[in-house]
Amino acid sequence: TVRCGLRSRCCAAQLEVVSSCSCSSTSHIQTSSTSYLTLLDSSSTS
């Protein structure tokens, strides 16, 4: 499971790790379950 490399700097409060993270890393994105499963399928299919 991906772990944001900038988490310690941009996510100070443990209880707000997901909601308040504002890093712009291209490998750290927030999507809905349905869209992520679609992304999994399409990227592997390509």
ModelCIF file with pLDDT and N, C-alpha, C, O atoms, coordinates in Angstrom:
data_MODEL
#
_entry.id   MODEL 
#
_entity.id                         1 
_entity.type                       polymer 
_entity.pdbx_number_of_molecules   1 
#
_entity_poly.entity_id                      1 
_entity_poly.type                           'polypeptide(L)' 
_entity_poly.nstd_linkage                   no 
_entity_poly.nstd_monomer                   no 
_entity_poly.pdbx_seq_one_letter_code       TVRCGLRSRCCAAQLEVVSSCSCSSTSHIQTSSTSYLTLLDSSSTS 
_entity_poly.pdbx_seq_one_letter_code_can   TVRCGLRSRCCAAQLEVVSSCSCSSTSHIQTSSTSYLTLLDSSSTS 
_entity_poly.pdbx_strand_id                 A 
#
loop_
_entity_poly_seq.entity_id 
_entity_poly_seq.num 
_entity_poly_seq.mon_id 
_entity_poly_seq.hetero 
1 1  THR n 
1 2  VAL n 
1 3  ARG n 
1 4  CYS n 
1 5  GLY n 
1 6  LEU n 
1 7  ARG n 
1 8  SER n 
1 9  ARG n 
1 10 CYS n 
1 11 CYS n 
1 12 ALA n 
1 13 ALA n 
1 14 GLN n 
1 15 LEU n 
1 16 GLU n 
1 17 VAL n 
1 18 VAL n 
1 19 SER n 
1 20 SER n 
1 21 CYS n 
1 22 SER n 
1 23 CYS n 
1 24 SER n 
1 25 SER n 
1 26 THR n 
1 27 SER n 
1 28 HIS n 
1 29 ILE n 
1 30 GLN n 
1 31 THR n 
1 32 SER n 
1 33 SER n 
1 34 THR n 
1 35 SER n 
1 36 TYR n 
1 37 LEU n 
1 38 THR n 
1 39 LEU n 
1 40 LEU n 
1 41 ASP n 
1 42 SER n 
1 43 SER n 
1 44 SER n 
1 45 THR n 
1 46 SER n 
#
_struct_asym.id          A 
_struct_asym.entity_id   1 
#
loop_
_ma_qa_metric.id 
_ma_qa_metric.mode 
_ma_qa_metric.name 
_ma_qa_metric.software_group_id 
_ma_qa_metric.type 
1 global pLDDT . pLDDT 
2 local  pLDDT . pLDDT 
#
_ma_qa_metric_global.metric_id      1 
_ma_qa_metric_global.metric_value   47.50 
_ma_qa_metric_global.model_id       1 
_ma_qa_metric_global.ordinal_id     1 
#
loop_
_ma_qa_metric_local.label_asym_id 
_ma_qa_metric_local.label_comp_id 
_ma_qa_metric_local.label_seq_id 
_ma_qa_metric_local.metric_id 
_ma_qa_metric_local.metric_value 
_ma_qa_metric_local.model_id 
_ma_qa_metric_local.ordinal_id 
A THR 1  2 43.00 1 1  
A VAL 2  2 40.00 1 2  
A ARG 3  2 39.00 1 3  
A CYS 4  2 37.00 1 4  
A GLY 5  2 36.00 1 5  
A LEU 6  2 31.00 1 6  
A ARG 7  2 32.00 1 7  
A SER 8  2 32.00 1 8  
A ARG 9  2 30.00 1 9  
A CYS 10 2 31.00 1 10 
A CYS 11 2 31.00 1 11 
A ALA 12 2 29.00 1 12 
A ALA 13 2 27.00 1 13 
A GLN 14 2 27.00 1 14 
A LEU 15 2 26.00 1 15 
A GLU 16 2 28.00 1 16 
A VAL 17 2 28.00 1 17 
A VAL 18 2 29.00 1 18 
A SER 19 2 29.00 1 19 
A SER 20 2 31.00 1 20 
A CYS 21 2 35.00 1 21 
A SER 22 2 34.00 1 22 
A CYS 23 2 36.00 1 23 
A SER 24 2 34.00 1 24 
A SER 25 2 35.00 1 25 
A THR 26 2 35.00 1 26 
A SER 27 2 37.00 1 27 
A HIS 28 2 37.00 1 28 
A ILE 29 2 36.00 1 29 
A GLN 30 2 39.00 1 30 
A THR 31 2 37.00 1 31 
A SER 32 2 40.00 1 32 
A SER 33 2 51.00 1 33 
A THR 34 2 63.00 1 34 
A SER 35 2 74.00 1 35 
A TYR 36 2 75.00 1 36 
A LEU 37 2 80.00 1 37 
A THR 38 2 81.00 1 38 
A LEU 39 2 82.00 1 39 
A LEU 40 2 84.00 1 40 
A ASP 41 2 85.00 1 41 
A SER 42 2 86.00 1 42 
A SER 43 2 87.00 1 43 
A SER 44 2 89.00 1 44 
A THR 45 2 89.00 1 45 
A SER 46 2 88.00 1 46 
#
loop_
_atom_site.group_PDB 
_atom_site.id 
_atom_site.type_symbol 
_atom_site.label_atom_id 
_atom_site.label_alt_id 
_atom_site.label_comp_id 
_atom_site.label_asym_id 
_atom_site.label_entity_id 
_atom_site.label_seq_id 
_atom_site.pdbx_PDB_ins_code 
_atom_site.Cartn_x 
_atom_site.Cartn_y 
_atom_site.Cartn_z 
_atom_site.occupancy 
_atom_site.B_iso_or_equiv 
_atom_site.pdbx_formal_charge 
_atom_site.auth_seq_id 
_atom_site.auth_comp_id 
_atom_site.auth_asym_id 
_atom_site.auth_atom_id 
_atom_site.pdbx_PDB_model_num 
ATOM 1   N N  . THR A 1 1  ? 0.857   -1.167 0.000   1.00 43.00 ? 1  THR A N  1 
ATOM 2   C CA . THR A 1 1  ? 0.000   0.000  0.000   1.00 43.00 ? 1  THR A CA 1 
ATOM 3   C C  . THR A 1 1  ? 0.899   1.224  0.000   1.00 43.00 ? 1  THR A C  1 
ATOM 4   O O  . THR A 1 1  ? 1.825   1.314  0.806   1.00 43.00 ? 1  THR A O  1 
ATOM 5   N N  . VAL A 1 2  ? 0.635   2.169  -0.898  1.00 40.00 ? 2  VAL A N  1 
ATOM 6   C CA . VAL A 1 2  ? 1.505   3.330  -1.027  1.00 40.00 ? 2  VAL A CA 1 
ATOM 7   C C  . VAL A 1 2  ? 1.512   4.154  0.252   1.00 40.00 ? 2  VAL A C  1 
ATOM 8   O O  . VAL A 1 2  ? 0.491   4.294  0.925   1.00 40.00 ? 2  VAL A O  1 
ATOM 9   N N  . ARG A 1 3  ? 2.678   4.692  0.574   1.00 39.00 ? 3  ARG A N  1 
ATOM 10  C CA . ARG A 1 3  ? 2.800   5.574  1.726   1.00 39.00 ? 3  ARG A CA 1 
ATOM 11  C C  . ARG A 1 3  ? 3.413   6.884  1.255   1.00 39.00 ? 3  ARG A C  1 
ATOM 12  O O  . ARG A 1 3  ? 4.497   6.894  0.673   1.00 39.00 ? 3  ARG A O  1 
ATOM 13  N N  . CYS A 1 4  ? 2.739   7.959  1.500   1.00 37.00 ? 4  CYS A N  1 
ATOM 14  C CA . CYS A 1 4  ? 3.175   9.248  1.006   1.00 37.00 ? 4  CYS A CA 1 
ATOM 15  C C  . CYS A 1 4  ? 4.515   9.632  1.598   1.00 37.00 ? 4  CYS A C  1 
ATOM 16  O O  . CYS A 1 4  ? 4.676   9.655  2.818   1.00 37.00 ? 4  CYS A O  1 
ATOM 17  N N  . GLY A 1 5  ? 5.477   9.932  0.741   1.00 36.00 ? 5  GLY A N  1 
ATOM 18  C CA . GLY A 1 5  ? 6.804   10.281 1.210   1.00 36.00 ? 5  GLY A CA 1 
ATOM 19  C C  . GLY A 1 5  ? 6.833   11.595 1.951   1.00 36.00 ? 5  GLY A C  1 
ATOM 20  O O  . GLY A 1 5  ? 7.767   11.835 2.716   1.00 36.00 ? 5  GLY A O  1 
ATOM 21  N N  . LEU A 1 6  ? 5.840   12.467 1.756   1.00 31.00 ? 6  LEU A N  1 
ATOM 22  C CA . LEU A 1 6  ? 5.811   13.767 2.403   1.00 31.00 ? 6  LEU A CA 1 
ATOM 23  C C  . LEU A 1 6  ? 4.837   13.798 3.581   1.00 31.00 ? 6  LEU A C  1 
ATOM 24  O O  . LEU A 1 6  ? 4.528   14.860 4.122   1.00 31.00 ? 6  LEU A O  1 
ATOM 25  N N  . ARG A 1 7  ? 4.354   12.596 3.973   1.00 32.00 ? 7  ARG A N  1 
ATOM 26  C CA . ARG A 1 7  ? 3.312   12.550 4.994   1.00 32.00 ? 7  ARG A CA 1 
ATOM 27  C C  . ARG A 1 7  ? 3.755   13.230 6.285   1.00 32.00 ? 7  ARG A C  1 
ATOM 28  O O  . ARG A 1 7  ? 2.972   13.961 6.892   1.00 32.00 ? 7  ARG A O  1 
ATOM 29  N N  . SER A 1 8  ? 4.996   13.004 6.717   1.00 32.00 ? 8  SER A N  1 
ATOM 30  C CA . SER A 1 8  ? 5.431   13.542 7.991   1.00 32.00 ? 8  SER A CA 1 
ATOM 31  C C  . SER A 1 8  ? 5.404   15.062 8.001   1.00 32.00 ? 8  SER A C  1 
ATOM 32  O O  . SER A 1 8  ? 5.270   15.671 9.062   1.00 32.00 ? 8  SER A O  1 
ATOM 33  N N  . ARG A 1 9  ? 5.531   15.684 6.830   1.00 30.00 ? 9  ARG A N  1 
ATOM 34  C CA . ARG A 1 9  ? 5.548   17.135 6.762   1.00 30.00 ? 9  ARG A CA 1 
ATOM 35  C C  . ARG A 1 9  ? 4.172   17.733 6.519   1.00 30.00 ? 9  ARG A C  1 
ATOM 36  O O  . ARG A 1 9  ? 3.849   18.789 7.063   1.00 30.00 ? 9  ARG A O  1 
ATOM 37  N N  . CYS A 1 10 ? 3.349   17.058 5.697   1.00 31.00 ? 10 CYS A N  1 
ATOM 38  C CA . CYS A 1 10 ? 2.072   17.672 5.349   1.00 31.00 ? 10 CYS A CA 1 
ATOM 39  C C  . CYS A 1 10 ? 0.894   17.072 6.086   1.00 31.00 ? 10 CYS A C  1 
ATOM 40  O O  . CYS A 1 10 ? -0.228  17.561 5.951   1.00 31.00 ? 10 CYS A O  1 
ATOM 41  N N  . CYS A 1 11 ? 1.125   16.009 6.874   1.00 31.00 ? 11 CYS A N  1 
ATOM 42  C CA . CYS A 1 11 ? 0.030   15.373 7.617   1.00 31.00 ? 11 CYS A CA 1 
ATOM 43  C C  . CYS A 1 11 ? 0.444   15.274 9.078   1.00 31.00 ? 11 CYS A C  1 
ATOM 44  O O  . CYS A 1 11 ? 0.839   14.199 9.527   1.00 31.00 ? 11 CYS A O  1 
ATOM 45  N N  . ALA A 1 12 ? 0.366   16.337 9.809   1.00 29.00 ? 12 ALA A N  1 
ATOM 46  C CA . ALA A 1 12 ? 0.870   16.362 11.172  1.00 29.00 ? 12 ALA A CA 1 
ATOM 47  C C  . ALA A 1 12 ? -0.007  15.560 12.113  1.00 29.00 ? 12 ALA A C  1 
ATOM 48  O O  . ALA A 1 12 ? 0.507   14.846 12.974  1.00 29.00 ? 12 ALA A O  1 
ATOM 49  N N  . ALA A 1 13 ? -1.302  15.659 11.970  1.00 27.00 ? 13 ALA A N  1 
ATOM 50  C CA . ALA A 1 13 ? -2.203  14.973 12.886  1.00 27.00 ? 13 ALA A CA 1 
ATOM 51  C C  . ALA A 1 13 ? -2.518  13.583 12.373  1.00 27.00 ? 13 ALA A C  1 
ATOM 52  O O  . ALA A 1 13 ? -2.978  13.436 11.241  1.00 27.00 ? 13 ALA A O  1 
ATOM 53  N N  . GLN A 1 14 ? -2.282  12.557 13.181  1.00 27.00 ? 14 GLN A N  1 
ATOM 54  C CA . GLN A 1 14 ? -2.509  11.172 12.758  1.00 27.00 ? 14 GLN A CA 1 
ATOM 55  C C  . GLN A 1 14 ? -3.963  10.938 12.371  1.00 27.00 ? 14 GLN A C  1 
ATOM 56  O O  . GLN A 1 14 ? -4.234  10.170 11.448  1.00 27.00 ? 14 GLN A O  1 
ATOM 57  N N  . LEU A 1 15 ? -4.879  11.564 13.036  1.00 26.00 ? 15 LEU A N  1 
ATOM 58  C CA . LEU A 1 15 ? -6.292  11.341 12.753  1.00 26.00 ? 15 LEU A CA 1 
ATOM 59  C C  . LEU A 1 15 ? -6.733  12.023 11.465  1.00 26.00 ? 15 LEU A C  1 
ATOM 60  O O  . LEU A 1 15 ? -7.855  11.806 11.008  1.00 26.00 ? 15 LEU A O  1 
ATOM 61  N N  . GLU A 1 16 ? -5.861  12.850 10.869  1.00 28.00 ? 16 GLU A N  1 
ATOM 62  C CA . GLU A 1 16 ? -6.227  13.559 9.660   1.00 28.00 ? 16 GLU A CA 1 
ATOM 63  C C  . GLU A 1 16 ? -5.305  13.200 8.506   1.00 28.00 ? 16 GLU A C  1 
ATOM 64  O O  . GLU A 1 16 ? -5.157  13.981 7.565   1.00 28.00 ? 16 GLU A O  1 
ATOM 65  N N  . VAL A 1 17 ? -4.684  12.025 8.567   1.00 28.00 ? 17 VAL A N  1 
ATOM 66  C CA . VAL A 1 17 ? -3.697  11.636 7.565   1.00 28.00 ? 17 VAL A CA 1 
ATOM 67  C C  . VAL A 1 17 ? -4.297  11.658 6.161   1.00 28.00 ? 17 VAL A C  1 
ATOM 68  O O  . VAL A 1 17 ? -3.704  12.221 5.241   1.00 28.00 ? 17 VAL A O  1 
ATOM 69  N N  . VAL A 1 18 ? -5.458  11.055 5.997   1.00 29.00 ? 18 VAL A N  1 
ATOM 70  C CA . VAL A 1 18 ? -6.046  10.967 4.663   1.00 29.00 ? 18 VAL A CA 1 
ATOM 71  C C  . VAL A 1 18 ? -6.730  12.255 4.253   1.00 29.00 ? 18 VAL A C  1 
ATOM 72  O O  . VAL A 1 18 ? -6.566  12.720 3.125   1.00 29.00 ? 18 VAL A O  1 
ATOM 73  N N  . SER A 1 19 ? -7.504  12.839 5.174   1.00 29.00 ? 19 SER A N  1 
ATOM 74  C CA . SER A 1 19 ? -8.314  13.985 4.799   1.00 29.00 ? 19 SER A CA 1 
ATOM 75  C C  . SER A 1 19 ? -7.515  15.258 4.585   1.00 29.00 ? 19 SER A C  1 
ATOM 76  O O  . SER A 1 19 ? -7.903  16.089 3.763   1.00 29.00 ? 19 SER A O  1 
ATOM 77  N N  . SER A 1 20 ? -6.396  15.440 5.308   1.00 31.00 ? 20 SER A N  1 
ATOM 78  C CA . SER A 1 20 ? -5.694  16.708 5.219   1.00 31.00 ? 20 SER A CA 1 
ATOM 79  C C  . SER A 1 20 ? -4.440  16.676 4.391   1.00 31.00 ? 20 SER A C  1 
ATOM 80  O O  . SER A 1 20 ? -3.814  17.719 4.198   1.00 31.00 ? 20 SER A O  1 
ATOM 81  N N  . CYS A 1 21 ? -4.034  15.498 3.880   1.00 35.00 ? 21 CYS A N  1 
ATOM 82  C CA . CYS A 1 21 ? -2.801  15.431 3.104   1.00 35.00 ? 21 CYS A CA 1 
ATOM 83  C C  . CYS A 1 21 ? -2.944  16.236 1.823   1.00 35.00 ? 21 CYS A C  1 
ATOM 84  O O  . CYS A 1 21 ? -3.907  16.074 1.073   1.00 35.00 ? 21 CYS A O  1 
ATOM 85  N N  . SER A 1 22 ? -1.969  17.109 1.585   1.00 34.00 ? 22 SER A N  1 
ATOM 86  C CA . SER A 1 22 ? -2.051  17.980 0.416   1.00 34.00 ? 22 SER A CA 1 
ATOM 87  C C  . SER A 1 22 ? -0.868  17.815 -0.509  1.00 34.00 ? 22 SER A C  1 
ATOM 88  O O  . SER A 1 22 ? -0.599  18.685 -1.337  1.00 34.00 ? 22 SER A O  1 
ATOM 89  N N  . CYS A 1 23 ? -0.144  16.691 -0.376  1.00 36.00 ? 23 CYS A N  1 
ATOM 90  C CA . CYS A 1 23 ? 1.027   16.522 -1.226  1.00 36.00 ? 23 CYS A CA 1 
ATOM 91  C C  . CYS A 1 23 ? 0.585   16.305 -2.666  1.00 36.00 ? 23 CYS A C  1 
ATOM 92  O O  . CYS A 1 23 ? -0.541  15.879 -2.922  1.00 36.00 ? 23 CYS A O  1 
ATOM 93  N N  . SER A 1 24 ? 1.472   16.598 -3.598  1.00 34.00 ? 24 SER A N  1 
ATOM 94  C CA . SER A 1 24 ? 1.119   16.518 -5.016  1.00 34.00 ? 24 SER A CA 1 
ATOM 95  C C  . SER A 1 24 ? 1.827   15.388 -5.723  1.00 34.00 ? 24 SER A C  1 
ATOM 96  O O  . SER A 1 24 ? 1.954   15.403 -6.947  1.00 34.00 ? 24 SER A O  1 
ATOM 97  N N  . SER A 1 25 ? 2.301   14.385 -4.952  1.00 35.00 ? 25 SER A N  1 
ATOM 98  C CA . SER A 1 25 ? 2.998   13.250 -5.564  1.00 35.00 ? 25 SER A CA 1 
ATOM 99  C C  . SER A 1 25 ? 2.097   12.560 -6.567  1.00 35.00 ? 25 SER A C  1 
ATOM 100 O O  . SER A 1 25 ? 0.926   12.315 -6.279  1.00 35.00 ? 25 SER A O  1 
ATOM 101 N N  . THR A 1 26 ? 2.630   12.239 -7.752  1.00 35.00 ? 26 THR A N  1 
ATOM 102 C CA . THR A 1 26 ? 1.811   11.606 -8.795  1.00 35.00 ? 26 THR A CA 1 
ATOM 103 C C  . THR A 1 26 ? 1.431   10.183 -8.430  1.00 35.00 ? 26 THR A C  1 
ATOM 104 O O  . THR A 1 26 ? 0.514   9.623  -9.032  1.00 35.00 ? 26 THR A O  1 
ATOM 105 N N  . SER A 1 27 ? 2.117   9.573  -7.447  1.00 37.00 ? 27 SER A N  1 
ATOM 106 C CA . SER A 1 27 ? 1.779   8.199  -7.077  1.00 37.00 ? 27 SER A CA 1 
ATOM 107 C C  . SER A 1 27 ? 0.844   8.147  -5.889  1.00 37.00 ? 27 SER A C  1 
ATOM 108 O O  . SER A 1 27 ? 0.487   7.060  -5.434  1.00 37.00 ? 27 SER A O  1 
ATOM 109 N N  . HIS A 1 28 ? 0.433   9.317  -5.368  1.00 37.00 ? 28 HIS A N  1 
ATOM 110 C CA . HIS A 1 28 ? -0.452  9.349  -4.207  1.00 37.00 ? 28 HIS A CA 1 
ATOM 111 C C  . HIS A 1 28 ? -1.732  10.067 -4.603  1.00 37.00 ? 28 HIS A C  1 
ATOM 112 O O  . HIS A 1 28 ? -1.763  11.297 -4.652  1.00 37.00 ? 28 HIS A O  1 
ATOM 113 N N  . ILE A 1 29 ? -2.792  9.310  -4.886  1.00 36.00 ? 29 ILE A N  1 
ATOM 114 C CA . ILE A 1 29 ? -4.039  9.910  -5.328  1.00 36.00 ? 29 ILE A CA 1 
ATOM 115 C C  . ILE A 1 29 ? -5.186  9.349  -4.522  1.00 36.00 ? 29 ILE A C  1 
ATOM 116 O O  . ILE A 1 29 ? -5.091  8.240  -3.995  1.00 36.00 ? 29 ILE A O  1 
ATOM 117 N N  . GLN A 1 30 ? -6.247  10.084 -4.421  1.00 39.00 ? 30 GLN A N  1 
ATOM 118 C CA . GLN A 1 30 ? -7.427  9.643  -3.703  1.00 39.00 ? 30 GLN A CA 1 
ATOM 119 C C  . GLN A 1 30 ? -8.575  9.492  -4.692  1.00 39.00 ? 30 GLN A C  1 
ATOM 120 O O  . GLN A 1 30 ? -8.947  10.462 -5.352  1.00 39.00 ? 30 GLN A O  1 
ATOM 121 N N  . THR A 1 31 ? -9.132  8.318  -4.804  1.00 37.00 ? 31 THR A N  1 
ATOM 122 C CA . THR A 1 31 ? -10.252 8.086  -5.695  1.00 37.00 ? 31 THR A CA 1 
ATOM 123 C C  . THR A 1 31 ? -11.279 7.233  -4.981  1.00 37.00 ? 31 THR A C  1 
ATOM 124 O O  . THR A 1 31 ? -11.017 6.718  -3.894  1.00 37.00 ? 31 THR A O  1 
ATOM 125 N N  . SER A 1 32 ? -12.423 7.082  -5.572  1.00 40.00 ? 32 SER A N  1 
ATOM 126 C CA . SER A 1 32 ? -13.424 6.190  -5.008  1.00 40.00 ? 32 SER A CA 1 
ATOM 127 C C  . SER A 1 32 ? -13.047 4.760  -5.338  1.00 40.00 ? 32 SER A C  1 
ATOM 128 O O  . SER A 1 32 ? -12.247 4.521  -6.242  1.00 40.00 ? 32 SER A O  1 
ATOM 129 N N  . SER A 1 33 ? -13.624 3.795  -4.605  1.00 51.00 ? 33 SER A N  1 
ATOM 130 C CA . SER A 1 33 ? -13.318 2.391  -4.831  1.00 51.00 ? 33 SER A CA 1 
ATOM 131 C C  . SER A 1 33 ? -13.628 1.977  -6.262  1.00 51.00 ? 33 SER A C  1 
ATOM 132 O O  . SER A 1 33 ? -12.838 1.282  -6.900  1.00 51.00 ? 33 SER A O  1 
ATOM 133 N N  . THR A 1 34 ? -14.781 2.407  -6.763  1.00 63.00 ? 34 THR A N  1 
ATOM 134 C CA . THR A 1 34 ? -15.196 2.013  -8.106  1.00 63.00 ? 34 THR A CA 1 
ATOM 135 C C  . THR A 1 34 ? -14.228 2.543  -9.154  1.00 63.00 ? 34 THR A C  1 
ATOM 136 O O  . THR A 1 34 ? -13.816 1.805  -10.048 1.00 63.00 ? 34 THR A O  1 
ATOM 137 N N  . SER A 1 35 ? -13.861 3.822  -9.050  1.00 74.00 ? 35 SER A N  1 
ATOM 138 C CA . SER A 1 35 ? -12.970 4.404  -10.056 1.00 74.00 ? 35 SER A CA 1 
ATOM 139 C C  . SER A 1 35 ? -11.581 3.785  -9.983  1.00 74.00 ? 35 SER A C  1 
ATOM 140 O O  . SER A 1 35 ? -10.917 3.631  -11.009 1.00 74.00 ? 35 SER A O  1 
ATOM 141 N N  . TYR A 1 36 ? -11.135 3.428  -8.780  1.00 75.00 ? 36 TYR A N  1 
ATOM 142 C CA . TYR A 1 36 ? -9.802  2.831  -8.653  1.00 75.00 ? 36 TYR A CA 1 
ATOM 143 C C  . TYR A 1 36 ? -9.772  1.433  -9.269  1.00 75.00 ? 36 TYR A C  1 
ATOM 144 O O  . TYR A 1 36 ? -8.801  1.064  -9.929  1.00 75.00 ? 36 TYR A O  1 
ATOM 145 N N  . LEU A 1 37 ? -10.828 0.664  -9.054  1.00 80.00 ? 37 LEU A N  1 
ATOM 146 C CA . LEU A 1 37 ? -10.898 -0.660 -9.666  1.00 80.00 ? 37 LEU A CA 1 
ATOM 147 C C  . LEU A 1 37 ? -10.934 -0.545 -11.190 1.00 80.00 ? 37 LEU A C  1 
ATOM 148 O O  . LEU A 1 37 ? -10.345 -1.362 -11.898 1.00 80.00 ? 37 LEU A O  1 
ATOM 149 N N  . THR A 1 38 ? -11.620 0.463  -11.676 1.00 81.00 ? 38 THR A N  1 
ATOM 150 C CA . THR A 1 38 ? -11.638 0.712  -13.122 1.00 81.00 ? 38 THR A CA 1 
ATOM 151 C C  . THR A 1 38 ? -10.247 1.076  -13.624 1.00 81.00 ? 38 THR A C  1 
ATOM 152 O O  . THR A 1 38 ? -9.832  0.640  -14.698 1.00 81.00 ? 38 THR A O  1 
ATOM 153 N N  . LEU A 1 39 ? -9.527  1.882  -12.839 1.00 82.00 ? 39 LEU A N  1 
ATOM 154 C CA . LEU A 1 39 ? -8.165  2.265  -13.200 1.00 82.00 ? 39 LEU A CA 1 
ATOM 155 C C  . LEU A 1 39 ? -7.238  1.054  -13.197 1.00 82.00 ? 39 LEU A C  1 
ATOM 156 O O  . LEU A 1 39 ? -6.384  0.920  -14.073 1.00 82.00 ? 39 LEU A O  1 
ATOM 157 N N  . LEU A 1 40 ? -7.406  0.174  -12.215 1.00 84.00 ? 40 LEU A N  1 
ATOM 158 C CA . LEU A 1 40 ? -6.629  -1.060 -12.156 1.00 84.00 ? 40 LEU A CA 1 
ATOM 159 C C  . LEU A 1 40 ? -6.839  -1.888 -13.423 1.00 84.00 ? 40 LEU A C  1 
ATOM 160 O O  . LEU A 1 40 ? -5.889  -2.379 -14.033 1.00 84.00 ? 40 LEU A O  1 
ATOM 161 N N  . ASP A 1 41 ? -8.099  -2.025 -13.796 1.00 85.00 ? 41 ASP A N  1 
ATOM 162 C CA . ASP A 1 41 ? -8.444  -2.829 -14.965 1.00 85.00 ? 41 ASP A CA 1 
ATOM 163 C C  . ASP A 1 41 ? -7.898  -2.209 -16.250 1.00 85.00 ? 41 ASP A C  1 
ATOM 164 O O  . ASP A 1 41 ? -7.307  -2.904 -17.076 1.00 85.00 ? 41 ASP A O  1 
ATOM 165 N N  . SER A 1 42 ? -8.096  -0.914 -16.414 1.00 86.00 ? 42 SER A N  1 
ATOM 166 C CA . SER A 1 42 ? -7.696  -0.273 -17.666 1.00 86.00 ? 42 SER A CA 1 
ATOM 167 C C  . SER A 1 42 ? -6.175  -0.203 -17.818 1.00 86.00 ? 42 SER A C  1 
ATOM 168 O O  . SER A 1 42 ? -5.659  -0.394 -18.920 1.00 86.00 ? 42 SER A O  1 
ATOM 169 N N  . SER A 1 43 ? -5.455  0.065  -16.735 1.00 87.00 ? 43 SER A N  1 
ATOM 170 C CA . SER A 1 43 ? -3.996  0.174  -16.823 1.00 87.00 ? 43 SER A CA 1 
ATOM 171 C C  . SER A 1 43 ? -3.354  -1.169 -17.136 1.00 87.00 ? 43 SER A C  1 
ATOM 172 O O  . SER A 1 43 ? -2.418  -1.243 -17.932 1.00 87.00 ? 43 SER A O  1 
ATOM 173 N N  . SER A 1 44 ? -3.860  -2.245 -16.502 1.00 89.00 ? 44 SER A N  1 
ATOM 174 C CA . SER A 1 44 ? -3.309  -3.571 -16.790 1.00 89.00 ? 44 SER A CA 1 
ATOM 175 C C  . SER A 1 44 ? -3.702  -4.037 -18.197 1.00 89.00 ? 44 SER A C  1 
ATOM 176 O O  . SER A 1 44 ? -2.913  -4.691 -18.880 1.00 89.00 ? 44 SER A O  1 
ATOM 177 N N  . THR A 1 45 ? -4.918  -3.699 -18.623 1.00 89.00 ? 45 THR A N  1 
ATOM 178 C CA . THR A 1 45 ? -5.353  -4.062 -19.971 1.00 89.00 ? 45 THR A CA 1 
ATOM 179 C C  . THR A 1 45 ? -4.506  -3.359 -21.033 1.00 89.00 ? 45 THR A C  1 
ATOM 180 O O  . THR A 1 45 ? -4.169  -3.962 -22.051 1.00 89.00 ? 45 THR A O  1 
ATOM 181 N N  . SER A 1 46 ? -4.163  -2.104 -20.807 1.00 88.00 ? 46 SER A N  1 
ATOM 182 C CA . SER A 1 46 ? -3.360  -1.364 -21.780 1.00 88.00 ? 46 SER A CA 1 
ATOM 183 C C  . SER A 1 46 ? -1.967  -1.969 -21.928 1.00 88.00 ? 46 SER A C  1 
ATOM 184 O O  . SER A 1 46 ? -1.156  -1.470 -22.708 1.00 88.00 ? 46 SER A O  1 
#
